[in-house]
Amino acid sequence: MDKIQFEITRHFGVISSEKSGWQKELNLVSWNGRAPKLDLRDWAPDHQKMGKGVTLTESEAAALAELLVLALAKNEG
C-alpha cells in the first residue's frame, strides 16, 4: 500500500484540544498532490499522524456553513 502524501497549505485554526496533544483542526490540505481542500480532522502534535476526518470543496463548505447557521439558530430558540 502506498503511503498517503499530504501538505497542509494553510492552517485556519484549532477547534478543540485533547490532553494527549492531539487537536481537531481546520486546514487547507493537498492530498496526494491534488488541489487543496478544506479539511477537518484530528492531528497529532507533530502533524505526522492524523485521525479520520472530512474534506470539503469550497462549495461543500459553503453549503455546510449555511446548514450550521440554521442548526445553531434552531438550538437558540
N, C-alpha and C. Protein backbone atom coordinates (compact mmCIF):
# COMPACT_ATOMS: atom_id res chain seq x y z
N MET A 1 0.84 -1.18 0.00
CA MET A 1 0.00 0.00 0.00
C MET A 1 0.89 1.25 0.00
N ASP A 2 0.58 2.19 -0.87
CA ASP A 2 1.34 3.44 -0.93
C ASP A 2 1.04 4.32 0.26
N LYS A 3 2.05 5.05 0.69
CA LYS A 3 1.89 5.98 1.80
C LYS A 3 1.11 7.21 1.31
N ILE A 4 0.19 7.66 2.12
CA ILE A 4 -0.59 8.85 1.79
C ILE A 4 0.31 10.06 1.94
N GLN A 5 0.33 10.89 0.91
CA GLN A 5 1.11 12.13 0.95
C GLN A 5 0.16 13.29 1.18
N PHE A 6 0.59 14.23 2.00
CA PHE A 6 -0.25 15.39 2.27
C PHE A 6 0.63 16.60 2.54
N GLU A 7 0.03 17.76 2.28
CA GLU A 7 0.69 19.02 2.60
C GLU A 7 -0.38 19.97 3.14
N ILE A 8 -0.17 20.43 4.37
CA ILE A 8 -1.05 21.46 4.93
C ILE A 8 -0.60 22.79 4.33
N THR A 9 -1.44 23.34 3.45
CA THR A 9 -1.05 24.57 2.77
C THR A 9 -1.51 25.82 3.51
N ARG A 10 -2.49 25.65 4.39
CA ARG A 10 -2.95 26.78 5.22
C ARG A 10 -3.63 26.23 6.46
N HIS A 11 -3.28 26.79 7.60
CA HIS A 11 -3.89 26.42 8.88
C HIS A 11 -4.86 27.53 9.27
N PHE A 12 -6.13 27.18 9.44
CA PHE A 12 -7.13 28.17 9.82
C PHE A 12 -7.30 28.28 11.32
N GLY A 13 -7.24 27.13 12.03
CA GLY A 13 -7.38 27.19 13.47
C GLY A 13 -7.67 25.86 14.11
N VAL A 14 -7.64 25.89 15.45
CA VAL A 14 -7.88 24.71 16.27
C VAL A 14 -9.30 24.80 16.83
N ILE A 15 -10.06 23.72 16.70
CA ILE A 15 -11.42 23.67 17.20
C ILE A 15 -11.45 23.14 18.63
N SER A 16 -10.61 22.13 18.90
CA SER A 16 -10.52 21.59 20.25
C SER A 16 -9.18 20.89 20.43
N SER A 17 -8.79 20.70 21.69
CA SER A 17 -7.52 20.04 22.03
C SER A 17 -7.76 18.97 23.07
N GLU A 18 -6.98 17.89 22.98
CA GLU A 18 -7.04 16.80 23.94
C GLU A 18 -5.80 16.86 24.84
N LYS A 19 -5.89 16.23 26.00
CA LYS A 19 -4.75 16.18 26.92
C LYS A 19 -3.53 15.52 26.26
N SER A 20 -3.77 14.61 25.33
CA SER A 20 -2.70 13.91 24.63
C SER A 20 -1.92 14.82 23.68
N GLY A 21 -2.44 16.00 23.41
CA GLY A 21 -1.81 16.92 22.47
C GLY A 21 -2.45 16.93 21.10
N TRP A 22 -3.29 15.92 20.83
CA TRP A 22 -3.99 15.90 19.56
C TRP A 22 -4.97 17.06 19.50
N GLN A 23 -5.15 17.62 18.30
CA GLN A 23 -6.05 18.76 18.12
C GLN A 23 -6.95 18.54 16.91
N LYS A 24 -8.20 18.95 17.07
CA LYS A 24 -9.12 18.97 15.93
C LYS A 24 -8.91 20.32 15.24
N GLU A 25 -8.51 20.27 13.96
CA GLU A 25 -8.12 21.48 13.25
C GLU A 25 -8.86 21.63 11.93
N LEU A 26 -9.00 22.89 11.51
CA LEU A 26 -9.48 23.20 10.17
C LEU A 26 -8.28 23.70 9.38
N ASN A 27 -7.96 22.98 8.31
CA ASN A 27 -6.82 23.31 7.47
C ASN A 27 -7.20 23.23 6.00
N LEU A 28 -6.36 23.77 5.16
CA LEU A 28 -6.43 23.55 3.73
C LEU A 28 -5.33 22.54 3.43
N VAL A 29 -5.71 21.37 2.90
CA VAL A 29 -4.75 20.27 2.74
C VAL A 29 -4.79 19.74 1.31
N SER A 30 -3.60 19.53 0.77
CA SER A 30 -3.44 18.86 -0.52
C SER A 30 -3.13 17.40 -0.22
N TRP A 31 -3.97 16.50 -0.71
CA TRP A 31 -3.79 15.06 -0.51
C TRP A 31 -3.28 14.44 -1.79
N ASN A 32 -2.15 13.75 -1.70
CA ASN A 32 -1.55 13.03 -2.84
C ASN A 32 -1.39 13.92 -4.07
N GLY A 33 -0.97 15.16 -3.85
CA GLY A 33 -0.68 16.09 -4.94
C GLY A 33 -1.88 16.71 -5.60
N ARG A 34 -3.05 16.45 -5.07
CA ARG A 34 -4.27 17.04 -5.66
C ARG A 34 -4.46 18.47 -5.17
N ALA A 35 -5.44 19.14 -5.77
CA ALA A 35 -5.77 20.50 -5.37
C ALA A 35 -6.19 20.51 -3.89
N PRO A 36 -5.75 21.51 -3.13
CA PRO A 36 -6.10 21.57 -1.71
C PRO A 36 -7.60 21.70 -1.49
N LYS A 37 -8.07 21.07 -0.40
CA LYS A 37 -9.46 21.16 0.02
C LYS A 37 -9.50 21.50 1.50
N LEU A 38 -10.61 22.07 1.93
CA LEU A 38 -10.81 22.29 3.36
C LEU A 38 -10.86 20.95 4.05
N ASP A 39 -10.22 20.85 5.18
CA ASP A 39 -10.07 19.57 5.85
C ASP A 39 -10.27 19.74 7.35
N LEU A 40 -11.16 18.94 7.92
CA LEU A 40 -11.45 18.97 9.36
C LEU A 40 -11.14 17.59 9.92
N ARG A 41 -10.13 17.51 10.82
CA ARG A 41 -9.76 16.23 11.41
C ARG A 41 -8.86 16.44 12.63
N ASP A 42 -8.62 15.34 13.35
CA ASP A 42 -7.70 15.35 14.49
C ASP A 42 -6.28 15.13 13.97
N TRP A 43 -5.34 15.89 14.54
CA TRP A 43 -3.93 15.78 14.18
C TRP A 43 -3.09 15.57 15.43
N ALA A 44 -2.05 14.74 15.28
CA ALA A 44 -1.06 14.58 16.34
C ALA A 44 -0.26 15.88 16.44
N PRO A 45 0.39 16.12 17.58
CA PRO A 45 1.13 17.37 17.75
C PRO A 45 2.16 17.65 16.65
N ASP A 46 2.79 16.62 16.10
CA ASP A 46 3.81 16.82 15.06
C ASP A 46 3.24 16.79 13.64
N HIS A 47 1.93 16.63 13.51
CA HIS A 47 1.23 16.56 12.22
C HIS A 47 1.71 15.41 11.34
N GLN A 48 2.30 14.37 11.94
CA GLN A 48 2.71 13.20 11.17
C GLN A 48 1.66 12.11 11.19
N LYS A 49 0.73 12.19 12.16
CA LYS A 49 -0.37 11.24 12.25
C LYS A 49 -1.67 12.02 12.29
N MET A 50 -2.71 11.41 11.70
CA MET A 50 -4.00 12.08 11.70
C MET A 50 -5.10 11.06 11.93
N GLY A 51 -6.23 11.55 12.44
CA GLY A 51 -7.40 10.72 12.62
C GLY A 51 -8.30 10.83 11.40
N LYS A 52 -9.42 10.15 11.49
CA LYS A 52 -10.41 10.25 10.42
C LYS A 52 -10.96 11.66 10.38
N GLY A 53 -11.31 12.10 9.21
CA GLY A 53 -11.83 13.44 9.07
C GLY A 53 -12.68 13.57 7.83
N VAL A 54 -12.93 14.80 7.48
CA VAL A 54 -13.74 15.09 6.30
C VAL A 54 -13.06 16.19 5.49
N THR A 55 -13.06 16.03 4.17
CA THR A 55 -12.55 17.06 3.27
C THR A 55 -13.71 17.62 2.48
N LEU A 56 -13.67 18.92 2.25
CA LEU A 56 -14.77 19.60 1.57
C LEU A 56 -14.24 20.54 0.50
N THR A 57 -14.93 20.57 -0.63
CA THR A 57 -14.65 21.59 -1.63
C THR A 57 -15.18 22.92 -1.09
N GLU A 58 -14.85 23.98 -1.77
CA GLU A 58 -15.33 25.30 -1.34
C GLU A 58 -16.86 25.37 -1.36
N SER A 59 -17.49 24.80 -2.37
CA SER A 59 -18.96 24.85 -2.45
C SER A 59 -19.59 23.95 -1.38
N GLU A 60 -18.98 22.82 -1.06
CA GLU A 60 -19.49 21.96 0.01
C GLU A 60 -19.36 22.67 1.36
N ALA A 61 -18.25 23.37 1.56
CA ALA A 61 -18.05 24.09 2.82
C ALA A 61 -19.07 25.23 2.95
N ALA A 62 -19.37 25.91 1.86
CA ALA A 62 -20.37 26.99 1.90
C ALA A 62 -21.75 26.42 2.25
N ALA A 63 -22.10 25.28 1.67
CA ALA A 63 -23.39 24.64 1.99
C ALA A 63 -23.42 24.22 3.46
N LEU A 64 -22.32 23.67 3.96
CA LEU A 64 -22.24 23.28 5.36
C LEU A 64 -22.38 24.49 6.27
N ALA A 65 -21.75 25.60 5.91
CA ALA A 65 -21.84 26.82 6.72
C ALA A 65 -23.29 27.28 6.84
N GLU A 66 -24.02 27.23 5.75
CA GLU A 66 -25.44 27.62 5.79
C GLU A 66 -26.24 26.69 6.68
N LEU A 67 -25.97 25.39 6.59
CA LEU A 67 -26.69 24.43 7.43
C LEU A 67 -26.34 24.60 8.90
N LEU A 68 -25.08 24.91 9.20
CA LEU A 68 -24.68 25.14 10.59
C LEU A 68 -25.37 26.36 11.18
N VAL A 69 -25.49 27.42 10.39
CA VAL A 69 -26.20 28.62 10.84
C VAL A 69 -27.64 28.27 11.19
N LEU A 70 -28.31 27.51 10.33
CA LEU A 70 -29.69 27.10 10.58
C LEU A 70 -29.79 26.20 11.84
N ALA A 71 -28.88 25.25 11.94
CA ALA A 71 -28.91 24.32 13.08
C ALA A 71 -28.67 25.06 14.39
N LEU A 72 -27.72 25.97 14.41
CA LEU A 72 -27.42 26.71 15.64
C LEU A 72 -28.53 27.68 15.99
N ALA A 73 -29.18 28.27 14.99
CA ALA A 73 -30.30 29.18 15.25
C ALA A 73 -31.47 28.43 15.86
N LYS A 74 -31.73 27.21 15.41
CA LYS A 74 -32.83 26.41 15.95
C LYS A 74 -32.56 26.02 17.39
N ASN A 75 -31.30 25.80 17.73
CA ASN A 75 -30.94 25.42 19.10
C ASN A 75 -31.06 26.60 20.08
N GLU A 76 -30.97 27.82 19.56
CA GLU A 76 -31.08 29.01 20.42
C GLU A 76 -32.52 29.31 20.76
N GLY A 77 -33.44 28.97 19.90
CA GLY A 77 -34.82 29.35 20.09
C GLY A 77 -35.70 28.25 20.38
